């Protein structure tokens, strides 16, 4: 479990940050094209707009995120990603592009970014092995939703959670402390 408020420090691929900040979805394609080279620049960014509570089982190829606004739980968001590993700078994972957006009351859901997922598959950013892991993870998540297991087992408690304003926003080590990093093998 981890949590993140607006203002928390993050690092994302620089072109992705530019696409987000400019609101230009076509810039995401350029970010994926750059990522296909296997080397990219990480840029400092800040988490915005929502509080998030994240549940990630060890070794899982997904995380379940609950996004909150001032009105309460906005939605559940399942992010398909590499298993998380701890580093001297915090936690690393690698987003595998496709996501599942789930209604706050768990009554419906829809896949997100399937077109981009197909694009990064064509570019080779996501290997066949990773694609197989995503397919297995999709089945695991849909089963958790159907069974109301994992974080969905106690959705009411999750809905009531909020970031305590007295807690400081997370900060990352300075870039010089993280020097020498490169893209992870396989994507």
N, C-alpha and C. Protein backbone atom coordinates (compact mmCIF):
# COMPACT_ATOMS: atom_id res chain seq x y z
N UNK A 1 0.85 -1.18 0.00
CA UNK A 1 0.00 0.00 0.00
C UNK A 1 0.89 1.23 0.00
N UNK A 2 0.47 2.21 -0.73
CA UNK A 2 1.11 3.51 -0.68
C UNK A 2 0.05 4.55 -1.01
N UNK A 3 0.35 5.78 -0.72
CA UNK A 3 -0.59 6.86 -1.00
C UNK A 3 0.18 8.05 -1.55
N UNK A 4 -0.54 8.91 -2.24
CA UNK A 4 0.09 10.06 -2.88
C UNK A 4 -0.92 11.21 -2.96
N UNK A 5 -0.52 12.40 -2.52
CA UNK A 5 -1.41 13.56 -2.64
C UNK A 5 -0.97 14.44 -3.82
N UNK A 6 -1.79 15.40 -4.20
CA UNK A 6 -1.32 16.39 -5.16
C UNK A 6 -0.05 17.06 -4.61
N UNK A 7 0.90 17.29 -5.48
CA UNK A 7 2.16 17.92 -5.08
C UNK A 7 3.28 16.94 -4.82
N UNK A 8 2.99 15.64 -4.73
CA UNK A 8 4.05 14.65 -4.52
C UNK A 8 4.99 14.66 -5.71
N UNK A 9 6.28 14.56 -5.43
CA UNK A 9 7.28 14.56 -6.49
C UNK A 9 7.32 13.20 -7.19
N UNK A 10 7.45 13.25 -8.51
CA UNK A 10 7.56 12.05 -9.34
C UNK A 10 8.63 12.30 -10.40
N UNK A 11 8.98 11.26 -11.11
CA UNK A 11 9.81 11.37 -12.31
C UNK A 11 9.20 10.48 -13.37
N UNK A 12 8.97 11.08 -14.52
CA UNK A 12 8.38 10.38 -15.66
C UNK A 12 9.21 10.70 -16.89
N UNK A 13 9.06 9.91 -17.97
CA UNK A 13 9.74 10.27 -19.21
C UNK A 13 9.38 11.70 -19.61
N UNK A 14 10.40 12.47 -20.00
CA UNK A 14 10.24 13.91 -20.26
C UNK A 14 9.16 14.19 -21.30
N UNK A 15 9.12 13.41 -22.38
CA UNK A 15 8.11 13.67 -23.41
C UNK A 15 6.70 13.38 -22.91
N UNK A 16 6.56 12.43 -22.00
CA UNK A 16 5.26 12.17 -21.41
C UNK A 16 4.82 13.36 -20.56
N UNK A 17 5.75 13.91 -19.78
CA UNK A 17 5.44 15.09 -18.96
C UNK A 17 5.00 16.23 -19.87
N UNK A 18 5.70 16.43 -20.98
CA UNK A 18 5.33 17.50 -21.93
C UNK A 18 3.93 17.26 -22.49
N UNK A 19 3.62 16.03 -22.85
CA UNK A 19 2.29 15.72 -23.39
C UNK A 19 1.22 16.01 -22.35
N UNK A 20 1.47 15.63 -21.11
CA UNK A 20 0.51 15.88 -20.03
C UNK A 20 0.33 17.37 -19.79
N UNK A 21 1.45 18.11 -19.69
CA UNK A 21 1.38 19.53 -19.40
C UNK A 21 0.75 20.33 -20.53
N UNK A 22 1.00 19.92 -21.78
CA UNK A 22 0.46 20.63 -22.94
C UNK A 22 -0.96 20.19 -23.28
N UNK A 23 -1.38 19.05 -22.74
CA UNK A 23 -2.70 18.51 -23.09
C UNK A 23 -2.76 18.01 -24.51
N UNK A 24 -1.60 17.70 -25.09
CA UNK A 24 -1.50 17.26 -26.48
C UNK A 24 -1.32 15.75 -26.53
N UNK A 25 -2.41 15.05 -26.76
CA UNK A 25 -2.36 13.58 -26.77
C UNK A 25 -1.44 13.05 -27.86
N UNK A 26 -1.28 13.78 -28.96
CA UNK A 26 -0.40 13.30 -30.03
C UNK A 26 1.06 13.28 -29.58
N UNK A 27 1.40 14.11 -28.60
CA UNK A 27 2.77 14.12 -28.08
C UNK A 27 3.08 12.81 -27.35
N UNK A 28 2.05 12.12 -26.89
CA UNK A 28 2.28 10.81 -26.25
C UNK A 28 2.85 9.83 -27.26
N UNK A 29 2.42 9.91 -28.52
CA UNK A 29 2.96 9.03 -29.56
C UNK A 29 4.45 9.29 -29.72
N UNK A 30 4.86 10.56 -29.70
CA UNK A 30 6.29 10.89 -29.79
C UNK A 30 7.03 10.33 -28.58
N UNK A 31 6.41 10.37 -27.43
CA UNK A 31 7.04 9.82 -26.22
C UNK A 31 7.24 8.31 -26.38
N UNK A 32 6.26 7.62 -26.92
CA UNK A 32 6.40 6.18 -27.13
C UNK A 32 7.48 5.89 -28.16
N UNK A 33 7.53 6.68 -29.22
CA UNK A 33 8.57 6.49 -30.24
C UNK A 33 9.96 6.66 -29.63
N UNK A 34 10.12 7.67 -28.76
CA UNK A 34 11.40 7.87 -28.09
C UNK A 34 11.71 6.70 -27.15
N UNK A 35 10.71 6.21 -26.46
CA UNK A 35 10.92 5.10 -25.54
C UNK A 35 11.35 3.83 -26.27
N UNK A 36 10.93 3.69 -27.53
CA UNK A 36 11.29 2.50 -28.30
C UNK A 36 12.80 2.41 -28.53
N UNK A 37 13.49 3.53 -28.39
CA UNK A 37 14.96 3.49 -28.53
C UNK A 37 15.61 2.84 -27.32
N UNK A 38 14.88 2.74 -26.20
CA UNK A 38 15.41 2.13 -24.99
C UNK A 38 16.10 3.10 -24.07
N UNK A 39 16.21 4.34 -24.48
CA UNK A 39 16.85 5.36 -23.65
C UNK A 39 15.96 6.60 -23.67
N UNK A 40 15.70 7.14 -22.51
CA UNK A 40 14.92 8.36 -22.45
C UNK A 40 15.33 9.15 -21.23
N UNK A 41 14.95 10.40 -21.26
CA UNK A 41 15.26 11.30 -20.15
C UNK A 41 14.10 11.31 -19.17
N UNK A 42 14.42 11.21 -17.90
CA UNK A 42 13.40 11.36 -16.88
C UNK A 42 13.32 12.82 -16.48
N UNK A 43 12.11 13.30 -16.30
CA UNK A 43 11.88 14.70 -15.91
C UNK A 43 11.14 14.74 -14.57
N UNK A 44 11.46 15.75 -13.82
CA UNK A 44 10.74 15.98 -12.56
C UNK A 44 9.32 16.42 -12.89
N UNK A 45 8.39 15.92 -12.10
CA UNK A 45 6.99 16.29 -12.26
C UNK A 45 6.34 16.21 -10.89
N UNK A 46 5.13 16.70 -10.82
CA UNK A 46 4.37 16.63 -9.57
C UNK A 46 3.04 15.95 -9.87
N UNK A 47 2.63 15.09 -8.94
CA UNK A 47 1.30 14.49 -9.03
C UNK A 47 0.28 15.61 -8.90
N UNK A 48 -0.78 15.55 -9.69
CA UNK A 48 -1.76 16.63 -9.68
C UNK A 48 -3.18 16.10 -9.50
N UNK A 49 -4.03 16.99 -9.09
CA UNK A 49 -5.49 16.86 -9.10
C UNK A 49 -6.11 15.89 -8.11
N UNK A 50 -5.58 14.69 -7.94
CA UNK A 50 -6.24 13.71 -7.09
C UNK A 50 -5.32 13.22 -5.98
N UNK A 51 -5.95 12.75 -4.92
CA UNK A 51 -5.24 11.92 -3.95
C UNK A 51 -5.36 10.50 -4.48
N UNK A 52 -4.38 9.69 -4.22
CA UNK A 52 -4.45 8.30 -4.69
C UNK A 52 -3.99 7.37 -3.57
N UNK A 53 -4.72 6.29 -3.44
CA UNK A 53 -4.35 5.19 -2.56
C UNK A 53 -4.09 4.01 -3.48
N UNK A 54 -2.90 3.41 -3.37
CA UNK A 54 -2.46 2.39 -4.31
C UNK A 54 -2.22 1.08 -3.58
N UNK A 55 -2.77 0.01 -4.14
CA UNK A 55 -2.58 -1.35 -3.62
C UNK A 55 -1.88 -2.15 -4.69
N UNK A 56 -0.74 -2.75 -4.32
CA UNK A 56 0.02 -3.54 -5.28
C UNK A 56 0.58 -4.77 -4.59
N UNK A 57 0.05 -5.95 -4.94
CA UNK A 57 0.61 -7.17 -4.36
C UNK A 57 2.04 -7.39 -4.86
N UNK A 58 2.91 -7.96 -4.04
CA UNK A 58 4.28 -8.25 -4.50
C UNK A 58 4.25 -9.12 -5.76
N UNK A 59 5.06 -8.74 -6.73
CA UNK A 59 5.18 -9.50 -7.97
C UNK A 59 4.05 -9.30 -8.96
N UNK A 60 3.04 -8.51 -8.63
CA UNK A 60 1.89 -8.32 -9.52
C UNK A 60 2.25 -7.45 -10.72
N UNK A 61 1.61 -7.72 -11.83
CA UNK A 61 1.78 -6.94 -13.06
C UNK A 61 0.69 -5.87 -13.17
N UNK A 62 0.14 -5.46 -12.05
CA UNK A 62 -0.87 -4.40 -12.01
C UNK A 62 -0.88 -3.79 -10.63
N UNK A 63 -1.45 -2.60 -10.55
CA UNK A 63 -1.77 -1.99 -9.26
C UNK A 63 -3.22 -1.53 -9.32
N UNK A 64 -3.87 -1.53 -8.17
CA UNK A 64 -5.23 -1.01 -8.08
C UNK A 64 -5.14 0.32 -7.35
N UNK A 65 -5.60 1.36 -8.00
CA UNK A 65 -5.53 2.71 -7.47
C UNK A 65 -6.93 3.24 -7.23
N UNK A 66 -7.10 3.92 -6.12
CA UNK A 66 -8.35 4.61 -5.84
C UNK A 66 -8.05 6.11 -5.93
N UNK A 67 -8.73 6.82 -6.83
CA UNK A 67 -8.50 8.25 -7.04
C UNK A 67 -9.59 9.04 -6.33
N UNK A 68 -9.17 10.04 -5.56
CA UNK A 68 -10.09 10.85 -4.77
C UNK A 68 -9.99 12.32 -5.16
N UNK A 69 -11.13 12.97 -5.20
CA UNK A 69 -11.21 14.43 -5.33
C UNK A 69 -11.84 14.95 -4.04
N UNK A 70 -12.07 16.23 -3.97
CA UNK A 70 -12.70 16.79 -2.77
C UNK A 70 -14.10 16.20 -2.53
N UNK A 71 -14.73 15.66 -3.58
CA UNK A 71 -16.06 15.07 -3.46
C UNK A 71 -16.01 13.62 -2.99
N UNK A 72 -14.83 13.03 -2.89
CA UNK A 72 -14.70 11.64 -2.46
C UNK A 72 -14.10 10.77 -3.55
N UNK A 73 -14.36 9.45 -3.48
CA UNK A 73 -13.79 8.51 -4.44
C UNK A 73 -14.31 8.83 -5.85
N UNK A 74 -13.39 9.20 -6.74
CA UNK A 74 -13.77 9.50 -8.13
C UNK A 74 -13.93 8.23 -8.93
N UNK A 75 -12.93 7.34 -8.82
CA UNK A 75 -12.97 6.07 -9.53
C UNK A 75 -11.82 5.18 -9.06
N UNK A 76 -11.95 3.91 -9.40
CA UNK A 76 -10.88 2.94 -9.26
C UNK A 76 -10.14 2.94 -10.59
N UNK A 77 -8.85 2.67 -10.54
CA UNK A 77 -8.04 2.70 -11.76
C UNK A 77 -7.01 1.58 -11.64
N UNK A 78 -7.11 0.62 -12.54
CA UNK A 78 -6.15 -0.48 -12.53
C UNK A 78 -5.10 -0.18 -13.58
N UNK A 79 -3.86 -0.04 -13.11
CA UNK A 79 -2.73 0.27 -13.97
C UNK A 79 -1.94 -1.02 -14.20
N UNK A 80 -1.77 -1.40 -15.45
CA UNK A 80 -0.98 -2.58 -15.76
C UNK A 80 0.46 -2.13 -15.93
N UNK A 81 1.38 -2.80 -15.21
CA UNK A 81 2.75 -2.32 -15.08
C UNK A 81 3.66 -3.47 -14.65
N UNK A 82 4.95 -3.25 -14.80
CA UNK A 82 5.92 -4.23 -14.29
C UNK A 82 5.76 -4.38 -12.78
N UNK A 83 6.15 -5.52 -12.24
CA UNK A 83 6.22 -5.62 -10.78
C UNK A 83 7.13 -4.51 -10.24
N UNK A 84 6.73 -3.94 -9.13
CA UNK A 84 7.47 -2.84 -8.51
C UNK A 84 8.68 -3.39 -7.77
N UNK A 85 9.79 -2.65 -7.87
CA UNK A 85 10.95 -3.01 -7.06
C UNK A 85 11.52 -1.76 -6.40
N UNK A 86 12.05 -1.97 -5.22
CA UNK A 86 12.63 -0.88 -4.45
C UNK A 86 14.01 -0.56 -5.00
N UNK A 87 14.32 0.72 -5.03
CA UNK A 87 15.64 1.20 -5.44
C UNK A 87 16.14 2.16 -4.36
N UNK A 88 17.40 2.58 -4.44
CA UNK A 88 17.88 3.57 -3.47
C UNK A 88 17.09 4.89 -3.54
N UNK A 89 16.41 5.14 -4.67
CA UNK A 89 15.66 6.38 -4.85
C UNK A 89 14.18 6.25 -4.54
N UNK A 90 13.71 5.07 -4.25
CA UNK A 90 12.28 4.89 -3.98
C UNK A 90 11.78 3.58 -4.57
N UNK A 91 10.77 3.66 -5.43
CA UNK A 91 10.18 2.50 -6.07
C UNK A 91 10.19 2.74 -7.56
N UNK A 92 10.50 1.69 -8.32
CA UNK A 92 10.45 1.76 -9.78
C UNK A 92 9.47 0.73 -10.30
N UNK A 93 8.80 1.12 -11.36
CA UNK A 93 7.99 0.20 -12.14
C UNK A 93 8.01 0.73 -13.57
N UNK A 94 7.34 0.06 -14.46
CA UNK A 94 7.28 0.48 -15.85
C UNK A 94 5.86 0.31 -16.32
N UNK A 95 5.22 1.41 -16.67
CA UNK A 95 3.82 1.41 -17.09
C UNK A 95 3.68 0.68 -18.41
N UNK A 96 2.71 -0.22 -18.49
CA UNK A 96 2.48 -1.00 -19.70
C UNK A 96 1.28 -0.49 -20.48
N UNK A 97 0.94 0.75 -20.29
CA UNK A 97 0.06 1.58 -21.11
C UNK A 97 -1.43 1.30 -20.93
N UNK A 98 -1.86 0.06 -21.01
CA UNK A 98 -3.29 -0.23 -20.94
C UNK A 98 -3.76 -0.15 -19.49
N UNK A 99 -4.99 0.32 -19.30
CA UNK A 99 -5.55 0.52 -17.97
C UNK A 99 -7.02 0.10 -17.97
N UNK A 100 -7.53 -0.09 -16.77
CA UNK A 100 -8.94 -0.40 -16.58
C UNK A 100 -9.51 0.63 -15.62
N UNK A 101 -10.54 1.37 -16.04
CA UNK A 101 -11.19 2.37 -15.20
C UNK A 101 -12.49 1.76 -14.69
N UNK A 102 -12.64 1.77 -13.36
CA UNK A 102 -13.78 1.11 -12.71
C UNK A 102 -14.61 2.16 -11.98
N UNK A 103 -15.93 2.08 -12.12
CA UNK A 103 -16.83 3.00 -11.42
C UNK A 103 -16.62 2.91 -9.91
N UNK A 104 -16.82 4.00 -9.20
CA UNK A 104 -16.61 4.00 -7.74
C UNK A 104 -17.42 2.92 -7.01
N UNK A 105 -18.63 2.63 -7.51
CA UNK A 105 -19.47 1.64 -6.86
C UNK A 105 -19.28 0.23 -7.42
N UNK A 106 -18.27 0.06 -8.29
CA UNK A 106 -17.89 -1.23 -8.88
C UNK A 106 -18.93 -1.79 -9.84
N UNK A 107 -19.89 -0.98 -10.29
CA UNK A 107 -20.96 -1.49 -11.16
C UNK A 107 -20.59 -1.55 -12.63
N UNK A 108 -19.50 -0.94 -13.01
CA UNK A 108 -19.10 -0.97 -14.41
C UNK A 108 -17.63 -0.62 -14.56
N UNK A 109 -17.09 -0.90 -15.74
CA UNK A 109 -15.70 -0.60 -16.02
C UNK A 109 -15.49 -0.48 -17.52
N UNK A 110 -14.36 0.13 -17.91
CA UNK A 110 -13.99 0.19 -19.32
C UNK A 110 -12.47 0.19 -19.45
N UNK A 111 -12.01 -0.42 -20.55
CA UNK A 111 -10.57 -0.42 -20.85
C UNK A 111 -10.18 0.95 -21.35
N UNK A 112 -8.96 1.35 -21.07
CA UNK A 112 -8.44 2.66 -21.48
C UNK A 112 -7.11 2.46 -22.21
N UNK A 113 -6.91 3.22 -23.26
CA UNK A 113 -5.64 3.27 -24.00
C UNK A 113 -5.29 1.98 -24.74
N UNK A 114 -6.30 1.25 -25.19
CA UNK A 114 -6.05 0.04 -25.97
C UNK A 114 -5.31 0.36 -27.27
N UNK A 115 -5.63 1.52 -27.88
CA UNK A 115 -4.95 1.92 -29.12
C UNK A 115 -3.46 2.16 -28.88
N UNK A 116 -3.13 2.82 -27.78
CA UNK A 116 -1.73 3.07 -27.46
C UNK A 116 -1.02 1.77 -27.10
N UNK A 117 -1.72 0.88 -26.45
CA UNK A 117 -1.14 -0.42 -26.12
C UNK A 117 -0.75 -1.16 -27.40
N UNK A 118 -1.63 -1.16 -28.38
CA UNK A 118 -1.32 -1.80 -29.67
C UNK A 118 -0.11 -1.12 -30.32
N UNK A 119 -0.03 0.20 -30.21
CA UNK A 119 1.10 0.95 -30.80
C UNK A 119 2.42 0.56 -30.14
N UNK A 120 2.46 0.53 -28.81
CA UNK A 120 3.72 0.19 -28.14
C UNK A 120 4.08 -1.28 -28.36
N UNK A 121 3.09 -2.12 -28.58
CA UNK A 121 3.38 -3.52 -28.95
C UNK A 121 4.06 -3.56 -30.31
N UNK A 122 3.54 -2.77 -31.27
CA UNK A 122 4.16 -2.73 -32.60
C UNK A 122 5.59 -2.21 -32.53
N UNK A 123 5.82 -1.23 -31.65
CA UNK A 123 7.16 -0.65 -31.50
C UNK A 123 8.13 -1.58 -30.78
N UNK A 124 7.62 -2.61 -30.14
CA UNK A 124 8.47 -3.53 -29.40
C UNK A 124 8.79 -3.08 -27.99
N UNK A 125 8.13 -2.01 -27.52
CA UNK A 125 8.35 -1.54 -26.15
C UNK A 125 7.84 -2.60 -25.18
N UNK A 126 6.72 -3.21 -25.52
CA UNK A 126 6.16 -4.29 -24.71
C UNK A 126 6.39 -5.59 -25.48
N UNK A 127 7.18 -6.45 -24.88
CA UNK A 127 7.55 -7.72 -25.50
C UNK A 127 6.40 -8.72 -25.45
N UNK A 128 6.56 -9.81 -26.18
CA UNK A 128 5.55 -10.87 -26.14
C UNK A 128 5.40 -11.43 -24.71
N UNK A 129 6.50 -11.56 -24.01
CA UNK A 129 6.47 -12.06 -22.63
C UNK A 129 5.69 -11.10 -21.73
N UNK A 130 5.94 -9.81 -21.89
CA UNK A 130 5.20 -8.80 -21.10
C UNK A 130 3.72 -8.81 -21.48
N UNK A 131 3.43 -8.96 -22.76
CA UNK A 131 2.05 -9.01 -23.23
C UNK A 131 1.32 -10.20 -22.59
N UNK A 132 1.99 -11.35 -22.52
CA UNK A 132 1.39 -12.52 -21.88
C UNK A 132 1.12 -12.24 -20.39
N UNK A 133 2.07 -11.55 -19.73
CA UNK A 133 1.89 -11.21 -18.32
C UNK A 133 0.70 -10.26 -18.15
N UNK A 134 0.53 -9.31 -19.08
CA UNK A 134 -0.60 -8.39 -19.02
C UNK A 134 -1.91 -9.16 -19.20
N UNK A 135 -1.94 -10.09 -20.15
CA UNK A 135 -3.16 -10.87 -20.35
C UNK A 135 -3.54 -11.65 -19.09
N UNK A 136 -2.56 -12.24 -18.44
CA UNK A 136 -2.82 -12.97 -17.19
C UNK A 136 -3.32 -12.00 -16.12
N UNK A 137 -2.66 -10.84 -16.02
CA UNK A 137 -3.05 -9.83 -15.03
C UNK A 137 -4.47 -9.32 -15.29
N UNK A 138 -4.84 -9.13 -16.56
CA UNK A 138 -6.21 -8.71 -16.88
C UNK A 138 -7.21 -9.70 -16.30
N UNK A 139 -6.95 -10.99 -16.51
CA UNK A 139 -7.84 -12.01 -15.98
C UNK A 139 -7.90 -11.98 -14.45
N UNK A 140 -6.76 -11.76 -13.80
CA UNK A 140 -6.73 -11.69 -12.34
C UNK A 140 -7.57 -10.53 -11.83
N UNK A 141 -7.45 -9.39 -12.48
CA UNK A 141 -8.18 -8.20 -12.04
C UNK A 141 -9.68 -8.37 -12.27
N UNK A 142 -10.06 -8.88 -13.44
CA UNK A 142 -11.49 -9.09 -13.70
C UNK A 142 -12.08 -10.10 -12.71
N UNK A 143 -11.30 -11.12 -12.33
CA UNK A 143 -11.77 -12.08 -11.32
C UNK A 143 -11.92 -11.39 -9.97
N UNK A 144 -10.98 -10.53 -9.59
CA UNK A 144 -11.10 -9.80 -8.32
C UNK A 144 -12.35 -8.94 -8.31
N UNK A 145 -12.66 -8.30 -9.42
CA UNK A 145 -13.88 -7.49 -9.50
C UNK A 145 -15.12 -8.36 -9.35
N UNK A 146 -15.15 -9.46 -10.07
CA UNK A 146 -16.32 -10.35 -10.02
C UNK A 146 -16.51 -10.95 -8.63
N UNK A 147 -15.40 -11.30 -7.98
CA UNK A 147 -15.45 -11.94 -6.66
C UNK A 147 -15.49 -10.93 -5.51
N UNK A 148 -15.28 -9.66 -5.85
CA UNK A 148 -15.14 -8.61 -4.83
C UNK A 148 -14.04 -9.01 -3.84
N UNK A 149 -12.86 -9.32 -4.39
CA UNK A 149 -11.71 -9.69 -3.57
C UNK A 149 -10.62 -8.62 -3.72
N UNK A 150 -9.50 -8.83 -3.03
CA UNK A 150 -8.45 -7.81 -3.02
C UNK A 150 -9.01 -6.53 -2.42
N UNK A 151 -8.63 -5.38 -2.93
CA UNK A 151 -9.15 -4.13 -2.37
C UNK A 151 -10.65 -3.95 -2.59
N UNK A 152 -11.21 -4.67 -3.57
CA UNK A 152 -12.64 -4.56 -3.85
C UNK A 152 -13.48 -5.25 -2.77
N UNK A 153 -12.85 -6.08 -1.92
CA UNK A 153 -13.57 -6.77 -0.85
C UNK A 153 -14.08 -5.80 0.20
N UNK A 154 -13.38 -4.69 0.39
CA UNK A 154 -13.79 -3.71 1.40
C UNK A 154 -13.84 -2.33 0.75
N UNK A 155 -14.60 -2.25 -0.32
CA UNK A 155 -14.68 -1.01 -1.09
C UNK A 155 -15.20 0.15 -0.25
N UNK A 156 -16.07 -0.10 0.70
CA UNK A 156 -16.60 0.98 1.54
C UNK A 156 -15.50 1.63 2.37
N UNK A 157 -14.61 0.82 2.94
CA UNK A 157 -13.50 1.38 3.72
C UNK A 157 -12.57 2.18 2.82
N UNK A 158 -12.30 1.66 1.62
CA UNK A 158 -11.46 2.41 0.68
C UNK A 158 -12.12 3.73 0.31
N UNK A 159 -13.41 3.71 0.10
CA UNK A 159 -14.13 4.94 -0.28
C UNK A 159 -14.03 6.01 0.78
N UNK A 160 -13.93 5.60 2.05
CA UNK A 160 -13.88 6.56 3.16
C UNK A 160 -12.49 7.12 3.42
N UNK A 161 -11.44 6.50 2.85
CA UNK A 161 -10.07 6.94 3.11
C UNK A 161 -9.82 8.33 2.52
N UNK A 162 -8.98 9.12 3.18
CA UNK A 162 -8.53 10.40 2.63
C UNK A 162 -7.12 10.68 3.12
N UNK A 163 -6.37 11.40 2.35
CA UNK A 163 -5.03 11.85 2.72
C UNK A 163 -5.17 12.86 3.86
N UNK A 164 -4.40 12.70 4.89
CA UNK A 164 -4.42 13.64 6.01
C UNK A 164 -3.62 14.88 5.61
N UNK A 165 -4.23 16.05 5.59
CA UNK A 165 -3.50 17.26 5.17
C UNK A 165 -2.27 17.56 6.03
N UNK A 166 -2.19 16.99 7.22
CA UNK A 166 -1.02 17.20 8.08
C UNK A 166 0.19 16.39 7.59
N UNK A 167 -0.04 15.39 6.74
CA UNK A 167 1.07 14.60 6.23
C UNK A 167 1.79 15.38 5.14
N UNK A 168 3.11 15.38 5.12
CA UNK A 168 3.83 16.09 4.05
C UNK A 168 3.73 15.32 2.74
N UNK A 169 3.78 16.06 1.65
CA UNK A 169 3.80 15.41 0.32
C UNK A 169 5.15 14.71 0.15
N UNK A 170 5.16 13.51 -0.41
CA UNK A 170 6.42 12.80 -0.62
C UNK A 170 7.38 13.57 -1.52
N UNK A 171 8.66 13.48 -1.19
CA UNK A 171 9.73 14.11 -1.96
C UNK A 171 10.71 13.03 -2.41
N UNK A 172 11.30 13.21 -3.57
CA UNK A 172 12.28 12.27 -4.10
C UNK A 172 13.69 12.80 -3.89
N UNK A 173 14.68 11.89 -3.94
CA UNK A 173 16.07 12.36 -3.90
C UNK A 173 16.34 13.28 -5.09
N UNK A 174 17.26 14.16 -4.94
CA UNK A 174 17.64 15.07 -6.02
C UNK A 174 18.22 14.27 -7.19
N UNK A 175 18.13 14.80 -8.42
CA UNK A 175 18.62 14.06 -9.60
C UNK A 175 20.07 13.60 -9.48
N UNK A 176 20.93 14.40 -8.86
CA UNK A 176 22.33 13.98 -8.74
C UNK A 176 22.46 12.74 -7.86
N UNK A 177 21.51 12.53 -6.97
CA UNK A 177 21.52 11.34 -6.12
C UNK A 177 21.09 10.10 -6.91
N UNK A 178 20.40 10.31 -8.02
CA UNK A 178 19.90 9.21 -8.83
C UNK A 178 20.70 9.07 -10.14
N UNK A 179 21.84 9.71 -10.24
CA UNK A 179 22.64 9.71 -11.48
C UNK A 179 23.03 8.29 -11.87
N UNK A 180 23.26 8.12 -13.15
CA UNK A 180 23.71 6.83 -13.65
C UNK A 180 22.60 5.86 -13.97
N UNK A 181 21.36 6.28 -13.89
CA UNK A 181 20.24 5.39 -14.17
C UNK A 181 19.98 5.38 -15.67
N UNK A 182 19.51 4.27 -16.17
CA UNK A 182 19.11 4.16 -17.57
C UNK A 182 17.80 3.41 -17.65
N UNK A 183 17.30 3.27 -18.84
CA UNK A 183 16.02 2.58 -19.04
C UNK A 183 16.14 1.14 -18.57
N UNK A 184 15.07 0.58 -17.99
CA UNK A 184 15.12 -0.82 -17.56
C UNK A 184 15.20 -1.75 -18.76
N UNK A 185 15.84 -2.88 -18.57
CA UNK A 185 15.93 -3.88 -19.63
C UNK A 185 14.54 -4.33 -20.02
N UNK A 186 14.30 -4.50 -21.30
CA UNK A 186 13.01 -5.00 -21.77
C UNK A 186 11.94 -3.93 -21.88
N UNK A 187 12.31 -2.66 -21.74
CA UNK A 187 11.27 -1.64 -21.93
C UNK A 187 11.47 -0.42 -21.11
